[in-house]
Amino acid sequence: MKKKAEESKHEKFVRLAEARTNKIIDTLQLLGNCSNTSVYEYSQDDVEQIFQAIEDEVREAKKKFSKTETDKPQRFSLK
């Protein structure tokens, strides 16, 4: 493996993008564990709010790759 000083911009992108994407996937899998109704109680509205927030943030991240301006992201809360 090259030293970070020798790492190209693309190599750095690949390294970070893979790690961050895998972290997101792992976290989404953990979120899926919250669907266990023998342990948790939730409404369909809660579920819709959660996935709307995730979809909104995915849309904003995609916009950044197309070089369009984005609004400041909102923090998610079920309250």
C-alpha atoms as a PDB file:
ATOM      1  CA  MET A   1       0.000   0.000   0.000  1.00  0.00           C
ATOM      2  CA  LYS A   2       1.260   3.452  -0.866  1.00  0.00           C
ATOM      3  CA  LYS A   3       1.931   6.025   1.791  1.00  0.00           C
ATOM      4  CA  LYS A   4      -0.913   8.532   2.061  1.00  0.00           C
ATOM      5  CA  ALA A   5       1.421  11.254   0.725  1.00  0.00           C
ATOM      6  CA  GLU A   6       1.789   9.183  -2.468  1.00  0.00           C
ATOM      7  CA  GLU A   7      -1.911   8.357  -2.725  1.00  0.00           C
ATOM      8  CA  SER A   8      -3.601   9.849  -5.803  1.00  0.00           C
ATOM      9  CA  LYS A   9      -6.839  11.781  -5.505  1.00  0.00           C
ATOM     10  CA  HIS A  10      -8.719   8.888  -7.106  1.00  0.00           C
ATOM     11  CA  GLU A  11      -7.137   6.314  -4.799  1.00  0.00           C
ATOM     12  CA  LYS A  12      -8.090   8.476  -1.812  1.00  0.00           C
ATOM     13  CA  PHE A  13     -11.649   8.793  -3.165  1.00  0.00           C
ATOM     14  CA  VAL A  14     -11.951   5.019  -3.634  1.00  0.00           C
ATOM     15  CA  ARG A  15     -10.591   4.300  -0.148  1.00  0.00           C
ATOM     16  CA  LEU A  16     -12.877   6.783   1.588  1.00  0.00           C
ATOM     17  CA  ALA A  17     -15.961   6.172  -0.580  1.00  0.00           C
ATOM     18  CA  GLU A  18     -15.781   2.396  -0.050  1.00  0.00           C
ATOM     19  CA  ALA A  19     -15.345   2.737   3.712  1.00  0.00           C
ATOM     20  CA  ARG A  20     -18.115   5.314   4.058  1.00  0.00           C
ATOM     21  CA  THR A  21     -20.518   3.397   1.807  1.00  0.00           C
ATOM     22  CA  ASN A  22     -19.947   0.194   3.765  1.00  0.00           C
ATOM     23  CA  LYS A  23     -20.528   2.117   7.012  1.00  0.00           C
ATOM     24  CA  ILE A  24     -23.861   3.409   5.655  1.00  0.00           C
ATOM     25  CA  ILE A  25     -24.872  -0.113   4.574  1.00  0.00           C
ATOM     26  CA  ASP A  26     -23.978  -1.518   8.006  1.00  0.00           C
ATOM     27  CA  THR A  27     -25.965   1.235   9.716  1.00  0.00           C
ATOM     28  CA  LEU A  28     -28.996   0.652   7.478  1.00  0.00           C
ATOM     29  CA  GLN A  29     -28.852  -3.042   8.371  1.00  0.00           C
ATOM     30  CA  LEU A  30     -28.833  -2.064  12.061  1.00  0.00           C
ATOM     31  CA  LEU A  31     -31.819   0.218  11.458  1.00  0.00           C
ATOM     32  CA  GLY A  32     -33.623  -2.748   9.916  1.00  0.00           C
ATOM     33  CA  ASN A  33     -33.229  -4.551  13.240  1.00  0.00           C
ATOM     34  CA  CYS A  34     -35.606  -1.955  14.728  1.00  0.00           C
ATOM     35  CA  SER A  35     -38.419  -3.576  12.723  1.00  0.00           C
ATOM     36  CA  ASN A  36     -38.591  -6.437  15.246  1.00  0.00           C
ATOM     37  CA  THR A  37     -42.027  -5.885  16.816  1.00  0.00           C
ATOM     38  CA  SER A  38     -41.324  -8.284  19.678  1.00  0.00           C
ATOM     39  CA  VAL A  39     -38.732  -5.769  20.905  1.00  0.00           C
ATOM     40  CA  TYR A  40     -39.894  -2.412  19.509  1.00  0.00           C
ATOM     41  CA  GLU A  41     -43.145  -0.560  18.957  1.00  0.00           C
ATOM     42  CA  TYR A  42     -43.557   1.940  16.135  1.00  0.00           C
ATOM     43  CA  SER A  43     -46.187   3.387  13.849  1.00  0.00           C
ATOM     44  CA  GLN A  44     -46.263   3.421  10.072  1.00  0.00           C
ATOM     45  CA  ASP A  45     -45.903   7.206  10.354  1.00  0.00           C
ATOM     46  CA  ASP A  46     -42.633   6.718  12.276  1.00  0.00           C
ATOM     47  CA  VAL A  47     -41.375   4.440   9.500  1.00  0.00           C
ATOM     48  CA  GLU A  48     -42.386   6.927   6.804  1.00  0.00           C
ATOM     49  CA  GLN A  49     -40.591   9.764   8.623  1.00  0.00           C
ATOM     50  CA  ILE A  50     -37.410   7.713   8.994  1.00  0.00           C
ATOM     51  CA  PHE A  51     -37.251   6.686   5.345  1.00  0.00           C
ATOM     52  CA  GLN A  52     -38.253  10.128   4.087  1.00  0.00           C
ATOM     53  CA  ALA A  53     -35.318  11.619   6.036  1.00  0.00           C
ATOM     54  CA  ILE A  54     -32.944   8.992   4.610  1.00  0.00           C
ATOM     55  CA  GLU A  55     -34.238   9.495   1.052  1.00  0.00           C
ATOM     56  CA  ASP A  56     -33.923  13.283   1.400  1.00  0.00           C
ATOM     57  CA  GLU A  57     -30.316  12.953   2.517  1.00  0.00           C
ATOM     58  CA  VAL A  58     -29.476  10.515  -0.303  1.00  0.00           C
ATOM     59  CA  ARG A  59     -30.939  13.022  -2.780  1.00  0.00           C
ATOM     60  CA  GLU A  60     -28.824  15.827  -1.284  1.00  0.00           C
ATOM     61  CA  ALA A  61     -25.652  13.703  -1.426  1.00  0.00           C
ATOM     62  CA  LYS A  62     -26.330  12.854  -5.094  1.00  0.00           C
ATOM     63  CA  LYS A  63     -26.776  16.556  -5.868  1.00  0.00           C
ATOM     64  CA  LYS A  64     -23.284  17.234  -4.531  1.00  0.00           C
ATOM     65  CA  PHE A  65     -21.840  14.841  -7.103  1.00  0.00           C
ATOM     66  CA  SER A  66     -23.641  16.698  -9.885  1.00  0.00           C
ATOM     67  CA  LYS A  67     -22.203  19.990  -8.586  1.00  0.00           C
ATOM     68  CA  THR A  68     -25.572  21.565  -7.793  1.00  0.00           C
ATOM     69  CA  GLU A  69     -26.067  23.658  -4.687  1.00  0.00           C
ATOM     70  CA  THR A  70     -27.682  22.001  -1.662  1.00  0.00           C
ATOM     71  CA  ASP A  71     -29.502  23.361   1.335  1.00  0.00           C
ATOM     72  CA  LYS A  72     -28.052  22.811   4.794  1.00  0.00           C
ATOM     73  CA  PRO A  73     -29.222  19.354   5.971  1.00  0.00           C
ATOM     74  CA  GLN A  74     -31.714  19.096   8.803  1.00  0.00           C
ATOM     75  CA  ARG A  75     -31.061  16.795  11.751  1.00  0.00           C
ATOM     76  CA  PHE A  76     -33.573  13.974  12.005  1.00  0.00           C
ATOM     77  CA  SER A  77     -35.924  13.593  14.971  1.00  0.00           C
ATOM     78  CA  LEU A  78     -39.164  11.674  15.494  1.00  0.00           C
ATOM     79  CA  LYS A  79     -40.312  14.339  17.967  1.00  0.00           C
END
